[in-house]
């Protein structure tokens, strides 16, 4: 859910009960590759800065170790 007019958005990741994978990398689209983004995990409170290029090419790694859980991540363009 990217808002290009605001330079921010969010990602919701779900792990189904039968899902075998505990970690997934999401490559975000529509970001400015030259910009820095503040990424915040709403569930843990962990914050970090990542470049738009890294978010698009390497992806955002989400760990969901327990089945039937979810994670909410917000991101916002920094330095405006």
PDB file of N, CA and C in Angstrom:
ATOM      1  N   UNK A   1       0.834  -1.157   0.000  1.00  0.00           N
ATOM      2  CA  UNK A   1       0.000   0.000   0.000  1.00  0.00           C
ATOM      3  C   UNK A   1       0.892   1.237   0.000  1.00  0.00           C
ATOM      4  N   UNK A   2       1.308   1.634  -1.166  1.00  0.00           N
ATOM      5  CA  UNK A   2       2.228   2.763  -1.317  1.00  0.00           C
ATOM      6  C   UNK A   2       1.463   4.021  -1.706  1.00  0.00           C
ATOM      7  N   UNK A   3       1.787   5.137  -1.028  1.00  0.00           N
ATOM      8  CA  UNK A   3       1.215   6.439  -1.359  1.00  0.00           C
ATOM      9  C   UNK A   3       2.314   7.309  -1.949  1.00  0.00           C
ATOM     10  N   UNK A   4       2.478   7.320  -3.278  1.00  0.00           N
ATOM     11  CA  UNK A   4       3.548   8.104  -3.887  1.00  0.00           C
ATOM     12  C   UNK A   4       3.416   9.600  -3.606  1.00  0.00           C
ATOM     13  N   UNK A   5       2.190  10.084  -3.432  1.00  0.00           N
ATOM     14  CA  UNK A   5       1.992  11.510  -3.151  1.00  0.00           C
ATOM     15  C   UNK A   5       2.533  11.893  -1.775  1.00  0.00           C
ATOM     16  N   UNK A   6       2.625  10.935  -0.856  1.00  0.00           N
ATOM     17  CA  UNK A   6       3.135  11.191   0.489  1.00  0.00           C
ATOM     18  C   UNK A   6       4.542  10.636   0.710  1.00  0.00           C
ATOM     19  N   UNK A   7       4.994   9.767  -0.198  1.00  0.00           N
ATOM     20  CA  UNK A   7       6.304   9.134  -0.033  1.00  0.00           C
ATOM     21  C   UNK A   7       6.322   8.134   1.108  1.00  0.00           C
ATOM     22  N   UNK A   8       5.192   7.500   1.349  1.00  0.00           N
ATOM     23  CA  UNK A   8       5.107   6.541   2.447  1.00  0.00           C
ATOM     24  C   UNK A   8       4.074   5.468   2.141  1.00  0.00           C
ATOM     25  N   UNK A   9       4.057   4.471   3.006  1.00  0.00           N
ATOM     26  CA  UNK A   9       3.096   3.389   2.840  1.00  0.00           C
ATOM     27  C   UNK A   9       3.244   2.374   3.948  1.00  0.00           C
ATOM     28  N   UNK A  10       2.619   1.228   3.737  1.00  0.00           N
ATOM     29  CA  UNK A  10       2.719   0.159   4.724  1.00  0.00           C
ATOM     30  C   UNK A  10       2.632  -1.200   4.050  1.00  0.00           C
ATOM     31  N   UNK A  11       3.038  -2.197   4.796  1.00  0.00           N
ATOM     32  CA  UNK A  11       3.046  -3.579   4.329  1.00  0.00           C
ATOM     33  C   UNK A  11       2.479  -4.427   5.450  1.00  0.00           C
ATOM     34  N   UNK A  12       1.565  -5.313   5.114  1.00  0.00           N
ATOM     35  CA  UNK A  12       1.040  -6.267   6.078  1.00  0.00           C
ATOM     36  C   UNK A  12       1.391  -7.652   5.572  1.00  0.00           C
ATOM     37  N   UNK A  13       2.105  -8.410   6.401  1.00  0.00           N
ATOM     38  CA  UNK A  13       2.500  -9.775   6.039  1.00  0.00           C
ATOM     39  C   UNK A  13       1.750 -10.754   6.939  1.00  0.00           C
ATOM     40  N   UNK A  14       1.223 -11.797   6.337  1.00  0.00           N
ATOM     41  CA  UNK A  14       0.497 -12.828   7.073  1.00  0.00           C
ATOM     42  C   UNK A  14       1.181 -14.178   6.879  1.00  0.00           C
ATOM     43  N   UNK A  15       1.243 -14.956   7.922  1.00  0.00           N
ATOM     44  CA  UNK A  15       1.714 -16.337   7.793  1.00  0.00           C
ATOM     45  C   UNK A  15       0.538 -17.247   8.107  1.00  0.00           C
ATOM     46  N   UNK A  16       0.189 -18.038   7.132  1.00  0.00           N
ATOM     47  CA  UNK A  16      -0.907 -18.981   7.321  1.00  0.00           C
ATOM     48  C   UNK A  16      -0.467 -20.126   8.231  1.00  0.00           C
ATOM     49  N   UNK A  17      -1.426 -20.777   8.791  1.00  0.00           N
ATOM     50  CA  UNK A  17      -1.166 -21.857   9.733  1.00  0.00           C
ATOM     51  C   UNK A  17      -0.284 -22.960   9.134  1.00  0.00           C
ATOM     52  N   UNK A  18      -0.500 -23.309   7.879  1.00  0.00           N
ATOM     53  CA  UNK A  18       0.251 -24.401   7.247  1.00  0.00           C
ATOM     54  C   UNK A  18       1.494 -23.935   6.479  1.00  0.00           C
ATOM     55  N   UNK A  19       1.792 -22.657   6.477  1.00  0.00           N
ATOM     56  CA  UNK A  19       2.920 -22.130   5.695  1.00  0.00           C
ATOM     57  C   UNK A  19       4.248 -22.678   6.232  1.00  0.00           C
ATOM     58  N   UNK A  20       5.073 -23.250   5.365  1.00  0.00           N
ATOM     59  CA  UNK A  20       6.329 -23.835   5.819  1.00  0.00           C
ATOM     60  C   UNK A  20       7.449 -22.814   6.029  1.00  0.00           C
ATOM     61  N   UNK A  21       7.361 -21.662   5.381  1.00  0.00           N
ATOM     62  CA  UNK A  21       8.433 -20.671   5.445  1.00  0.00           C
ATOM     63  C   UNK A  21       8.231 -19.707   6.614  1.00  0.00           C
ATOM     64  N   UNK A  22       9.312 -19.413   7.323  1.00  0.00           N
ATOM     65  CA  UNK A  22       9.233 -18.481   8.455  1.00  0.00           C
ATOM     66  C   UNK A  22       9.718 -17.079   8.083  1.00  0.00           C
ATOM     67  N   UNK A  23      10.442 -16.969   6.975  1.00  0.00           N
ATOM     68  CA  UNK A  23      11.005 -15.686   6.549  1.00  0.00           C
ATOM     69  C   UNK A  23      10.706 -15.457   5.070  1.00  0.00           C
ATOM     70  N   UNK A  24      10.325 -14.221   4.758  1.00  0.00           N
ATOM     71  CA  UNK A  24      10.061 -13.838   3.371  1.00  0.00           C
ATOM     72  C   UNK A  24      10.670 -12.466   3.152  1.00  0.00           C
ATOM     73  N   UNK A  25      11.178 -12.221   1.944  1.00  0.00           N
ATOM     74  CA  UNK A  25      11.695 -10.902   1.580  1.00  0.00           C
ATOM     75  C   UNK A  25      10.762 -10.277   0.558  1.00  0.00           C
ATOM     76  N   UNK A  26      10.285  -9.077   0.882  1.00  0.00           N
ATOM     77  CA  UNK A  26       9.381  -8.349   0.007  1.00  0.00           C
ATOM     78  C   UNK A  26      10.150  -7.227  -0.677  1.00  0.00           C
ATOM     79  N   UNK A  27      10.153  -7.218  -1.996  1.00  0.00           N
ATOM     80  CA  UNK A  27      10.771  -6.136  -2.755  1.00  0.00           C
ATOM     81  C   UNK A  27       9.702  -5.088  -3.025  1.00  0.00           C
ATOM     82  N   UNK A  28       9.921  -3.899  -2.480  1.00  0.00           N
ATOM     83  CA  UNK A  28       8.932  -2.834  -2.590  1.00  0.00           C
ATOM     84  C   UNK A  28       9.093  -2.085  -3.906  1.00  0.00           C
ATOM     85  N   UNK A  29       7.990  -1.687  -4.482  1.00  0.00           N
ATOM     86  CA  UNK A  29       8.006  -0.981  -5.768  1.00  0.00           C
ATOM     87  C   UNK A  29       7.493   0.438  -5.608  1.00  0.00           C
ATOM     88  N   UNK A  30       7.900   1.291  -6.534  1.00  0.00           N
ATOM     89  CA  UNK A  30       7.404   2.656  -6.567  1.00  0.00           C
ATOM     90  C   UNK A  30       8.169   3.628  -5.681  1.00  0.00           C
ATOM     91  N   UNK A  31       9.261   3.156  -5.058  1.00  0.00           N
ATOM     92  CA  UNK A  31      10.044   4.017  -4.179  1.00  0.00           C
ATOM     93  C   UNK A  31      11.124   4.753  -4.956  1.00  0.00           C
ATOM     94  N   UNK A  32      11.593   5.853  -4.418  1.00  0.00           N
ATOM     95  CA  UNK A  32      12.694   6.614  -4.998  1.00  0.00           C
ATOM     96  C   UNK A  32      13.991   5.886  -4.648  1.00  0.00           C
ATOM     97  N   UNK A  33      14.707   5.340  -5.622  1.00  0.00           N
ATOM     98  CA  UNK A  33      15.917   4.569  -5.315  1.00  0.00           C
ATOM     99  C   UNK A  33      17.029   5.398  -4.676  1.00  0.00           C
ATOM    100  N   UNK A  34      17.004   6.722  -4.867  1.00  0.00           N
ATOM    101  CA  UNK A  34      18.046   7.598  -4.296  1.00  0.00           C
ATOM    102  C   UNK A  34      17.706   8.070  -2.886  1.00  0.00           C
ATOM    103  N   UNK A  35      16.484   7.854  -2.449  1.00  0.00           N
ATOM    104  CA  UNK A  35      16.029   8.356  -1.146  1.00  0.00           C
ATOM    105  C   UNK A  35      16.274   7.341  -0.032  1.00  0.00           C
ATOM    106  N   UNK A  36      16.295   7.854   1.191  1.00  0.00           N
ATOM    107  CA  UNK A  36      16.346   7.024   2.393  1.00  0.00           C
ATOM    108  C   UNK A  36      14.933   6.917   2.954  1.00  0.00           C
ATOM    109  N   UNK A  37      14.616   5.765   3.516  1.00  0.00           N
ATOM    110  CA  UNK A  37      13.302   5.537   4.092  1.00  0.00           C
ATOM    111  C   UNK A  37      13.439   5.076   5.533  1.00  0.00           C
ATOM    112  N   UNK A  38      12.582   5.609   6.379  1.00  0.00           N
ATOM    113  CA  UNK A  38      12.482   5.166   7.769  1.00  0.00           C
ATOM    114  C   UNK A  38      11.478   4.014   7.766  1.00  0.00           C
ATOM    115  N   UNK A  39      11.910   2.850   8.211  1.00  0.00           N
ATOM    116  CA  UNK A  39      11.071   1.656   8.225  1.00  0.00           C
ATOM    117  C   UNK A  39      10.787   1.301   9.681  1.00  0.00           C
ATOM    118  N   UNK A  40       9.524   1.164  10.031  1.00  0.00           N
ATOM    119  CA  UNK A  40       9.155   0.854  11.413  1.00  0.00           C
ATOM    120  C   UNK A  40       8.256  -0.369  11.486  1.00  0.00           C
ATOM    121  N   UNK A  41       8.644  -1.308  12.326  1.00  0.00           N
ATOM    122  CA  UNK A  41       7.839  -2.488  12.597  1.00  0.00           C
ATOM    123  C   UNK A  41       6.866  -2.118  13.711  1.00  0.00           C
ATOM    124  N   UNK A  42       5.587  -2.030  13.388  1.00  0.00           N
ATOM    125  CA  UNK A  42       4.585  -1.612  14.365  1.00  0.00           C
ATOM    126  C   UNK A  42       4.417  -2.622  15.490  1.00  0.00           C
ATOM    127  N   UNK A  43       4.771  -3.869  15.245  1.00  0.00           N
ATOM    128  CA  UNK A  43       4.599  -4.910  16.260  1.00  0.00           C
ATOM    129  C   UNK A  43       5.732  -4.928  17.273  1.00  0.00           C
ATOM    130  N   UNK A  44       6.949  -4.664  16.826  1.00  0.00           N
ATOM    131  CA  UNK A  44       8.103  -4.716  17.734  1.00  0.00           C
ATOM    132  C   UNK A  44       8.614  -3.336  18.121  1.00  0.00           C
ATOM    133  N   UNK A  45       8.249  -2.306  17.340  1.00  0.00           N
ATOM    134  CA  UNK A  45       8.755  -0.960  17.585  1.00  0.00           C
ATOM    135  C   UNK A  45      10.133  -0.727  16.984  1.00  0.00           C
ATOM    136  N   UNK A  46      10.721  -1.742  16.372  1.00  0.00           N
ATOM    137  CA  UNK A  46      12.055  -1.608  15.771  1.00  0.00           C
ATOM    138  C   UNK A  46      11.992  -0.661  14.578  1.00  0.00           C
ATOM    139  N   UNK A  47      12.966   0.259  14.535  1.00  0.00           N
ATOM    140  CA  UNK A  47      13.074   1.218  13.428  1.00  0.00           C
ATOM    141  C   UNK A  47      14.439   1.083  12.785  1.00  0.00           C
ATOM    142  N   UNK A  48      14.472   1.321  11.488  1.00  0.00           N
ATOM    143  CA  UNK A  48      15.737   1.334  10.766  1.00  0.00           C
ATOM    144  C   UNK A  48      15.587   2.174   9.511  1.00  0.00           C
ATOM    145  N   UNK A  49      16.740   2.610   8.996  1.00  0.00           N
ATOM    146  CA  UNK A  49      16.765   3.374   7.747  1.00  0.00           C
ATOM    147  C   UNK A  49      17.278   2.469   6.648  1.00  0.00           C
ATOM    148  N   UNK A  50      16.631   2.562   5.503  1.00  0.00           N
ATOM    149  CA  UNK A  50      17.047   1.784   4.338  1.00  0.00           C
ATOM    150  C   UNK A  50      16.874   2.663   3.108  1.00  0.00           C
ATOM    151  N   UNK A  51      17.703   2.414   2.118  1.00  0.00           N
ATOM    152  CA  UNK A  51      17.569   3.168   0.866  1.00  0.00           C
ATOM    153  C   UNK A  51      16.427   2.587   0.041  1.00  0.00           C
ATOM    154  N   UNK A  52      15.853   3.426  -0.796  1.00  0.00           N
ATOM    155  CA  UNK A  52      14.825   2.953  -1.710  1.00  0.00           C
ATOM    156  C   UNK A  52      15.373   1.878  -2.634  1.00  0.00           C
ATOM    157  N   UNK A  53      16.640   2.026  -3.008  1.00  0.00           N
ATOM    158  CA  UNK A  53      17.274   1.024  -3.867  1.00  0.00           C
ATOM    159  C   UNK A  53      17.351  -0.329  -3.165  1.00  0.00           C
ATOM    160  N   UNK A  54      17.770  -0.342  -1.895  1.00  0.00           N
ATOM    161  CA  UNK A  54      17.865  -1.595  -1.137  1.00  0.00           C
ATOM    162  C   UNK A  54      16.483  -2.224  -0.947  1.00  0.00           C
ATOM    163  N   UNK A  55      15.486  -1.408  -0.646  1.00  0.00           N
ATOM    164  CA  UNK A  55      14.138  -1.932  -0.452  1.00  0.00           C
ATOM    165  C   UNK A  55      13.587  -2.557  -1.735  1.00  0.00           C
ATOM    166  N   UNK A  56      13.965  -1.987  -2.875  1.00  0.00           N
ATOM    167  CA  UNK A  56      13.491  -2.506  -4.152  1.00  0.00           C
ATOM    168  C   UNK A  56      14.291  -3.719  -4.633  1.00  0.00           C
ATOM    169  N   UNK A  57      15.602  -3.689  -4.449  1.00  0.00           N
ATOM    170  CA  UNK A  57      16.450  -4.747  -4.998  1.00  0.00           C
ATOM    171  C   UNK A  57      16.697  -5.904  -4.029  1.00  0.00           C
ATOM    172  N   UNK A  58      17.012  -5.592  -2.782  1.00  0.00           N
ATOM    173  CA  UNK A  58      17.291  -6.636  -1.790  1.00  0.00           C
ATOM    174  C   UNK A  58      16.022  -7.071  -1.071  1.00  0.00           C
ATOM    175  N   UNK A  59      15.132  -6.139  -0.889  1.00  0.00           N
ATOM    176  CA  UNK A  59      13.865  -6.428  -0.246  1.00  0.00           C
ATOM    177  C   UNK A  59      13.882  -6.200   1.249  1.00  0.00           C
ATOM    178  N   UNK A  60      12.708  -6.225   1.810  1.00  0.00           N
ATOM    179  CA  UNK A  60      12.504  -6.056   3.238  1.00  0.00           C
ATOM    180  C   UNK A  60      12.229  -7.438   3.814  1.00  0.00           C
ATOM    181  N   UNK A  61      13.099  -7.879   4.696  1.00  0.00           N
ATOM    182  CA  UNK A  61      12.976  -9.218   5.275  1.00  0.00           C
ATOM    183  C   UNK A  61      12.006  -9.202   6.452  1.00  0.00           C
ATOM    184  N   UNK A  62      11.020 -10.083   6.384  1.00  0.00           N
ATOM    185  CA  UNK A  62      10.008 -10.206   7.429  1.00  0.00           C
ATOM    186  C   UNK A  62      10.102 -11.617   8.009  1.00  0.00           C
ATOM    187  N   UNK A  63      10.258 -11.694   9.326  1.00  0.00           N
ATOM    188  CA  UNK A  63      10.298 -12.980  10.023  1.00  0.00           C
ATOM    189  C   UNK A  63       8.986 -13.190  10.763  1.00  0.00           C
ATOM    190  N   UNK A  64       8.373 -14.319  10.506  1.00  0.00           N
ATOM    191  CA  UNK A  64       7.164 -14.725  11.218  1.00  0.00           C
ATOM    192  C   UNK A  64       7.396 -16.153  11.715  1.00  0.00           C
ATOM    193  N   UNK A  65       8.047 -16.307  12.854  1.00  0.00           N
ATOM    194  CA  UNK A  65       8.433 -17.640  13.322  1.00  0.00           C
ATOM    195  C   UNK A  65       7.266 -18.542  13.723  1.00  0.00           C
ATOM    196  N   UNK A  66       6.138 -17.946  14.099  1.00  0.00           N
ATOM    197  CA  UNK A  66       4.995 -18.768  14.510  1.00  0.00           C
ATOM    198  C   UNK A  66       3.901 -18.745  13.446  1.00  0.00           C
ATOM    199  N   UNK A  67       3.303 -19.893  13.175  1.00  0.00           N
ATOM    200  CA  UNK A  67       2.181 -19.929  12.230  1.00  0.00           C
ATOM    201  C   UNK A  67       1.009 -19.088  12.727  1.00  0.00           C
ATOM    202  N   UNK A  68       0.215 -18.648  11.764  1.00  0.00           N
ATOM    203  CA  UNK A  68      -1.016 -17.911  12.024  1.00  0.00           C
ATOM    204  C   UNK A  68      -0.739 -16.581  12.737  1.00  0.00           C
ATOM    205  N   UNK A  69       0.308 -15.869  12.272  1.00  0.00           N
ATOM    206  CA  UNK A  69       0.659 -14.561  12.822  1.00  0.00           C
ATOM    207  C   UNK A  69       0.759 -13.549  11.685  1.00  0.00           C
ATOM    208  N   UNK A  70       0.938 -12.286  12.046  1.00  0.00           N
ATOM    209  CA  UNK A  70       1.064 -11.228  11.036  1.00  0.00           C
ATOM    210  C   UNK A  70       2.051 -10.181  11.532  1.00  0.00           C
ATOM    211  N   UNK A  71       2.454  -9.303  10.608  1.00  0.00           N
ATOM    212  CA  UNK A  71       3.379  -8.223  10.936  1.00  0.00           C
ATOM    213  C   UNK A  71       2.960  -7.000  10.142  1.00  0.00           C
ATOM    214  N   UNK A  72       2.957  -5.829  10.785  1.00  0.00           N
ATOM    215  CA  UNK A  72       2.607  -4.564  10.156  1.00  0.00           C
ATOM    216  C   UNK A  72       3.846  -3.685  10.122  1.00  0.00           C
ATOM    217  N   UNK A  73       4.225  -3.244   8.923  1.00  0.00           N
ATOM    218  CA  UNK A  73       5.412  -2.434   8.710  1.00  0.00           C
ATOM    219  C   UNK A  73       5.010  -1.122   8.037  1.00  0.00           C
ATOM    220  N   UNK A  74       5.469  -0.011   8.598  1.00  0.00           N
ATOM    221  CA  UNK A  74       5.270   1.303   7.983  1.00  0.00           C
ATOM    222  C   UNK A  74       6.599   1.785   7.423  1.00  0.00           C
ATOM    223  N   UNK A  75       6.550   2.525   6.319  1.00  0.00           N
ATOM    224  CA  UNK A  75       7.771   3.150   5.805  1.00  0.00           C
ATOM    225  C   UNK A  75       7.443   4.571   5.358  1.00  0.00           C
ATOM    226  N   UNK A  76       8.443   5.436   5.508  1.00  0.00           N
ATOM    227  CA  UNK A  76       8.274   6.849   5.174  1.00  0.00           C
ATOM    228  C   UNK A  76       9.570   7.400   4.623  1.00  0.00           C
ATOM    229  N   UNK A  77       9.480   8.147   3.562  1.00  0.00           N
ATOM    230  CA  UNK A  77      10.638   8.780   2.967  1.00  0.00           C
ATOM    231  C   UNK A  77      11.256   9.763   3.961  1.00  0.00           C
ATOM    232  N   UNK A  78      12.557   9.675   4.172  1.00  0.00           N
ATOM    233  CA  UNK A  78      13.256  10.545   5.137  1.00  0.00           C
ATOM    234  C   UNK A  78      13.821  11.767   4.448  1.00  0.00           C
ATOM    235  N   UNK A  79      14.134  12.770   5.268  1.00  0.00           N
ATOM    236  CA  UNK A  79      14.869  13.927   4.771  1.00  0.00           C
ATOM    237  C   UNK A  79      14.093  14.862   3.887  1.00  0.00           C
ATOM    238  N   UNK A  80      12.825  14.979   4.114  1.00  0.00           N
ATOM    239  CA  UNK A  80      12.039  15.919   3.306  1.00  0.00           C
ATOM    240  C   UNK A  80      12.135  17.290   3.872  1.00  0.00           C
TER     241      UNK A  80
END
